[in-house]
Amino acid sequence: MITTWEPTAPGVLRLPSGRLVRGRGLRHPLPPGPTPSFAVYLLGHEPPAVDWESRWLRWPDFWLPSDRAEASTVLREAWERAENERVEVACGGGFGRTGTALACLAVLDGVPGREAVAYVRQHYARRAVETPWQRRFVARFS
């Protein structure tokens, strides 16, 4: 049974393949409705425990993941699981690191790296991906 997000739920990004992923800021309350079945938390410190399966990527605010190979592995897992599960990607504010990770998921989904930031800004949030080095990270992500 497929248990993904509702396409119109707050923060949900539809990738070209139809996969749905929710982005959000952890400084804001958990949105109403179903909880994630899998989440990726992009923080410089370990996140609080949650009632669903999650992965923590050490990723300081306004920067890039501390371990890029691990980031690639975890984001690939999130992309794969988004086909049949409610996957959430979140950082503190929900724009810079979250937008960067969502753009990387778009690359995995077939969006060319140089177009992925624009895709996420159009379909998720205009403020997504905040720094030039985050944009370069997406452009070079594979």
C-alpha atoms as a PDB file:
ATOM      1  CA  MET A   1       0.000   0.000   0.000  1.00  0.00           C
ATOM      2  CA  ILE A   2       1.325   3.420  -0.947  1.00  0.00           C
ATOM      3  CA  THR A   3       1.243   5.925   1.903  1.00  0.00           C
ATOM      4  CA  THR A   4       2.708   9.131   0.487  1.00  0.00           C
ATOM      5  CA  TRP A   5       1.779  12.751   1.159  1.00  0.00           C
ATOM      6  CA  GLU A   6      -1.272  14.539  -0.137  1.00  0.00           C
ATOM      7  CA  PRO A   7       0.002  16.650  -3.058  1.00  0.00           C
ATOM      8  CA  THR A   8      -1.619  19.819  -1.692  1.00  0.00           C
ATOM      9  CA  ALA A   9      -0.333  19.435   1.891  1.00  0.00           C
ATOM     10  CA  PRO A  10       1.864  22.287   3.179  1.00  0.00           C
ATOM     11  CA  GLY A  11       5.501  22.022   2.110  1.00  0.00           C
ATOM     12  CA  VAL A  12       5.011  19.087  -0.259  1.00  0.00           C
ATOM     13  CA  LEU A  13       7.170  19.101  -3.399  1.00  0.00           C
ATOM     14  CA  ARG A  14       6.146  16.966  -6.356  1.00  0.00           C
ATOM     15  CA  LEU A  15       9.174  15.701  -8.226  1.00  0.00           C
ATOM     16  CA  PRO A  16       8.899  15.094 -11.998  1.00  0.00           C
ATOM     17  CA  SER A  17       8.446  11.340 -11.431  1.00  0.00           C
ATOM     18  CA  GLY A  18       5.439  12.021  -9.209  1.00  0.00           C
ATOM     19  CA  ARG A  19       7.265  11.276  -5.955  1.00  0.00           C
ATOM     20  CA  LEU A  20       6.141  13.577  -3.148  1.00  0.00           C
ATOM     21  CA  VAL A  21       8.532  14.879  -0.482  1.00  0.00           C
ATOM     22  CA  ARG A  22       7.714  17.315   2.315  1.00  0.00           C
ATOM     23  CA  GLY A  23      10.142  20.050   3.248  1.00  0.00           C
ATOM     24  CA  ARG A  24       9.765  22.022   6.448  1.00  0.00           C
ATOM     25  CA  GLY A  25      11.465  24.107   9.092  1.00  0.00           C
ATOM     26  CA  LEU A  26      11.929  22.454  12.462  1.00  0.00           C
ATOM     27  CA  ARG A  27      11.513  25.808  14.224  1.00  0.00           C
ATOM     28  CA  HIS A  28       7.846  25.671  13.226  1.00  0.00           C
ATOM     29  CA  PRO A  29       5.229  23.322  14.695  1.00  0.00           C
ATOM     30  CA  LEU A  30       4.661  19.954  13.060  1.00  0.00           C
ATOM     31  CA  PRO A  31       1.975  20.456  10.385  1.00  0.00           C
ATOM     32  CA  PRO A  32      -1.411  18.858  10.993  1.00  0.00           C
ATOM     33  CA  GLY A  33      -2.123  15.523   9.375  1.00  0.00           C
ATOM     34  CA  PRO A  34      -0.076  12.381   8.984  1.00  0.00           C
ATOM     35  CA  THR A  35       3.468  12.217  10.282  1.00  0.00           C
ATOM     36  CA  PRO A  36       6.442  11.174   8.169  1.00  0.00           C
ATOM     37  CA  SER A  37       7.383   7.528   7.890  1.00  0.00           C
ATOM     38  CA  PHE A  38      10.987   8.558   7.166  1.00  0.00           C
ATOM     39  CA  ALA A  39      12.784  11.862   7.671  1.00  0.00           C
ATOM     40  CA  VAL A  40      16.147  13.430   6.971  1.00  0.00           C
ATOM     41  CA  TYR A  41      17.201  16.154   9.413  1.00  0.00           C
ATOM     42  CA  LEU A  42      19.860  18.593   8.241  1.00  0.00           C
ATOM     43  CA  LEU A  43      21.304  20.210  11.341  1.00  0.00           C
ATOM     44  CA  GLY A  44      24.643  21.120  12.867  1.00  0.00           C
ATOM     45  CA  HIS A  45      23.618  19.285  16.045  1.00  0.00           C
ATOM     46  CA  GLU A  46      21.786  16.043  16.705  1.00  0.00           C
ATOM     47  CA  PRO A  47      18.008  16.526  16.405  1.00  0.00           C
ATOM     48  CA  PRO A  48      15.563  15.534  19.122  1.00  0.00           C
ATOM     49  CA  ALA A  49      14.139  12.007  18.980  1.00  0.00           C
ATOM     50  CA  VAL A  50      11.013  11.475  16.869  1.00  0.00           C
ATOM     51  CA  ASP A  51       8.457   8.664  16.644  1.00  0.00           C
ATOM     52  CA  TRP A  52       9.380   7.786  13.044  1.00  0.00           C
ATOM     53  CA  GLU A  53      12.503   6.520  11.357  1.00  0.00           C
ATOM     54  CA  SER A  54      14.979   9.293  10.665  1.00  0.00           C
ATOM     55  CA  ARG A  55      18.529  10.057   9.606  1.00  0.00           C
ATOM     56  CA  TRP A  56      20.625  12.982  10.774  1.00  0.00           C
ATOM     57  CA  LEU A  57      23.026  14.657   8.391  1.00  0.00           C
ATOM     58  CA  ARG A  58      25.457  16.995  10.140  1.00  0.00           C
ATOM     59  CA  TRP A  59      24.913  20.140   8.078  1.00  0.00           C
ATOM     60  CA  PRO A  60      25.677  23.533   9.674  1.00  0.00           C
ATOM     61  CA  ASP A  61      23.342  26.421   8.873  1.00  0.00           C
ATOM     62  CA  PHE A  62      24.204  28.224   5.598  1.00  0.00           C
ATOM     63  CA  TRP A  63      26.884  25.634   4.734  1.00  0.00           C
ATOM     64  CA  LEU A  64      27.162  22.210   3.149  1.00  0.00           C
ATOM     65  CA  PRO A  65      26.951  18.707   4.613  1.00  0.00           C
ATOM     66  CA  SER A  66      29.970  17.784   6.724  1.00  0.00           C
ATOM     67  CA  ASP A  67      30.226  14.403   4.979  1.00  0.00           C
ATOM     68  CA  ARG A  68      29.233  14.680   1.324  1.00  0.00           C
ATOM     69  CA  ALA A  69      29.433  10.944   0.656  1.00  0.00           C
ATOM     70  CA  GLU A  70      27.051  10.272   3.542  1.00  0.00           C
ATOM     71  CA  ALA A  71      24.758  13.035   2.289  1.00  0.00           C
ATOM     72  CA  SER A  72      24.621  11.383  -1.127  1.00  0.00           C
ATOM     73  CA  THR A  73      23.768   8.011   0.437  1.00  0.00           C
ATOM     74  CA  VAL A  74      21.074   9.410   2.741  1.00  0.00           C
ATOM     75  CA  LEU A  75      19.473  11.580   0.049  1.00  0.00           C
ATOM     76  CA  ARG A  76      19.413   8.648  -2.358  1.00  0.00           C
ATOM     77  CA  GLU A  77      17.641   6.597   0.346  1.00  0.00           C
ATOM     78  CA  ALA A  78      15.117   9.420   0.849  1.00  0.00           C
ATOM     79  CA  TRP A  79      14.473   9.627  -2.906  1.00  0.00           C
ATOM     80  CA  GLU A  80      13.970   5.850  -3.176  1.00  0.00           C
ATOM     81  CA  ARG A  81      11.651   5.721  -0.171  1.00  0.00           C
ATOM     82  CA  ALA A  82       9.571   8.678  -1.412  1.00  0.00           C
ATOM     83  CA  GLU A  83       8.077   6.409  -4.063  1.00  0.00           C
ATOM     84  CA  ASN A  84       5.949   4.624  -1.426  1.00  0.00           C
ATOM     85  CA  GLU A  85       6.444   6.458   1.864  1.00  0.00           C
ATOM     86  CA  ARG A  86       5.917   9.859   3.476  1.00  0.00           C
ATOM     87  CA  VAL A  87       9.432  11.320   3.370  1.00  0.00           C
ATOM     88  CA  GLU A  88      10.262  14.598   5.072  1.00  0.00           C
ATOM     89  CA  VAL A  89      13.405  16.714   4.697  1.00  0.00           C
ATOM     90  CA  ALA A  90      13.903  19.439   7.292  1.00  0.00           C
ATOM     91  CA  CYS A  91      16.367  21.938   8.712  1.00  0.00           C
ATOM     92  CA  GLY A  92      15.892  24.847  11.104  1.00  0.00           C
ATOM     93  CA  GLY A  93      14.111  27.289   8.811  1.00  0.00           C
ATOM     94  CA  GLY A  94      13.115  24.989   5.950  1.00  0.00           C
ATOM     95  CA  PHE A  95      14.743  26.949   3.102  1.00  0.00           C
ATOM     96  CA  GLY A  96      18.531  26.811   2.754  1.00  0.00           C
ATOM     97  CA  ARG A  97      19.596  23.301   3.696  1.00  0.00           C
ATOM     98  CA  THR A  98      16.142  21.857   3.058  1.00  0.00           C
ATOM     99  CA  GLY A  99      15.930  23.529  -0.347  1.00  0.00           C
ATOM    100  CA  THR A 100      19.420  22.305  -1.204  1.00  0.00           C
ATOM    101  CA  ALA A 101      18.529  18.730  -0.256  1.00  0.00           C
ATOM    102  CA  LEU A 102      15.237  18.920  -2.175  1.00  0.00           C
ATOM    103  CA  ALA A 103      17.121  20.189  -5.230  1.00  0.00           C
ATOM    104  CA  CYS A 104      19.485  17.204  -4.905  1.00  0.00           C
ATOM    105  CA  LEU A 105      16.432  14.917  -4.830  1.00  0.00           C
ATOM    106  CA  ALA A 106      15.228  16.639  -8.001  1.00  0.00           C
ATOM    107  CA  VAL A 107      18.604  15.829  -9.607  1.00  0.00           C
ATOM    108  CA  LEU A 108      18.189  12.182  -8.594  1.00  0.00           C
ATOM    109  CA  ASP A 109      14.728  12.357 -10.165  1.00  0.00           C
ATOM    110  CA  GLY A 110      16.134  13.488 -13.506  1.00  0.00           C
ATOM    111  CA  VAL A 111      16.215  17.290 -13.317  1.00  0.00           C
ATOM    112  CA  PRO A 112      19.550  18.552 -14.683  1.00  0.00           C
ATOM    113  CA  GLY A 113      21.780  19.883 -11.878  1.00  0.00           C
ATOM    114  CA  ARG A 114      21.885  23.400 -13.313  1.00  0.00           C
ATOM    115  CA  GLU A 115      18.053  23.529 -13.376  1.00  0.00           C
ATOM    116  CA  ALA A 116      17.288  21.872 -10.034  1.00  0.00           C
ATOM    117  CA  VAL A 117      17.467  25.031  -7.884  1.00  0.00           C
ATOM    118  CA  ALA A 118      15.014  26.821 -10.179  1.00  0.00           C
ATOM    119  CA  TYR A 119      12.730  23.780 -10.089  1.00  0.00           C
ATOM    120  CA  VAL A 120      12.652  23.745  -6.278  1.00  0.00           C
ATOM    121  CA  ARG A 121      12.189  27.514  -6.076  1.00  0.00           C
ATOM    122  CA  GLN A 122       9.236  27.276  -8.458  1.00  0.00           C
ATOM    123  CA  HIS A 123       7.555  24.252  -6.865  1.00  0.00           C
ATOM    124  CA  TYR A 124       8.549  24.466  -3.169  1.00  0.00           C
ATOM    125  CA  ALA A 125       9.714  27.920  -2.005  1.00  0.00           C
ATOM    126  CA  ARG A 126      11.172  30.981  -3.716  1.00  0.00           C
ATOM    127  CA  ARG A 127      13.739  31.307  -0.891  1.00  0.00           C
ATOM    128  CA  ALA A 128      15.027  27.748  -1.288  1.00  0.00           C
ATOM    129  CA  VAL A 129      18.808  27.283  -1.553  1.00  0.00           C
ATOM    130  CA  GLU A 130      20.307  30.341   0.104  1.00  0.00           C
ATOM    131  CA  THR A 131      24.016  30.488  -0.727  1.00  0.00           C
ATOM    132  CA  PRO A 132      26.181  30.332  -3.852  1.00  0.00           C
ATOM    133  CA  TRP A 133      28.016  27.258  -2.512  1.00  0.00           C
ATOM    134  CA  GLN A 134      24.698  25.483  -1.948  1.00  0.00           C
ATOM    135  CA  ARG A 135      23.777  26.221  -5.592  1.00  0.00           C
ATOM    136  CA  ARG A 136      27.156  24.843  -6.750  1.00  0.00           C
ATOM    137  CA  PHE A 137      26.669  21.758  -4.575  1.00  0.00           C
ATOM    138  CA  VAL A 138      23.354  21.054  -6.334  1.00  0.00           C
ATOM    139  CA  ALA A 139      24.790  21.723  -9.808  1.00  0.00           C
ATOM    140  CA  ARG A 140      27.543  19.174  -9.159  1.00  0.00           C
ATOM    141  CA  PHE A 141      25.387  16.612  -7.306  1.00  0.00           C
ATOM    142  CA  SER A 142      24.989  13.191  -8.891  1.00  0.00           C
END
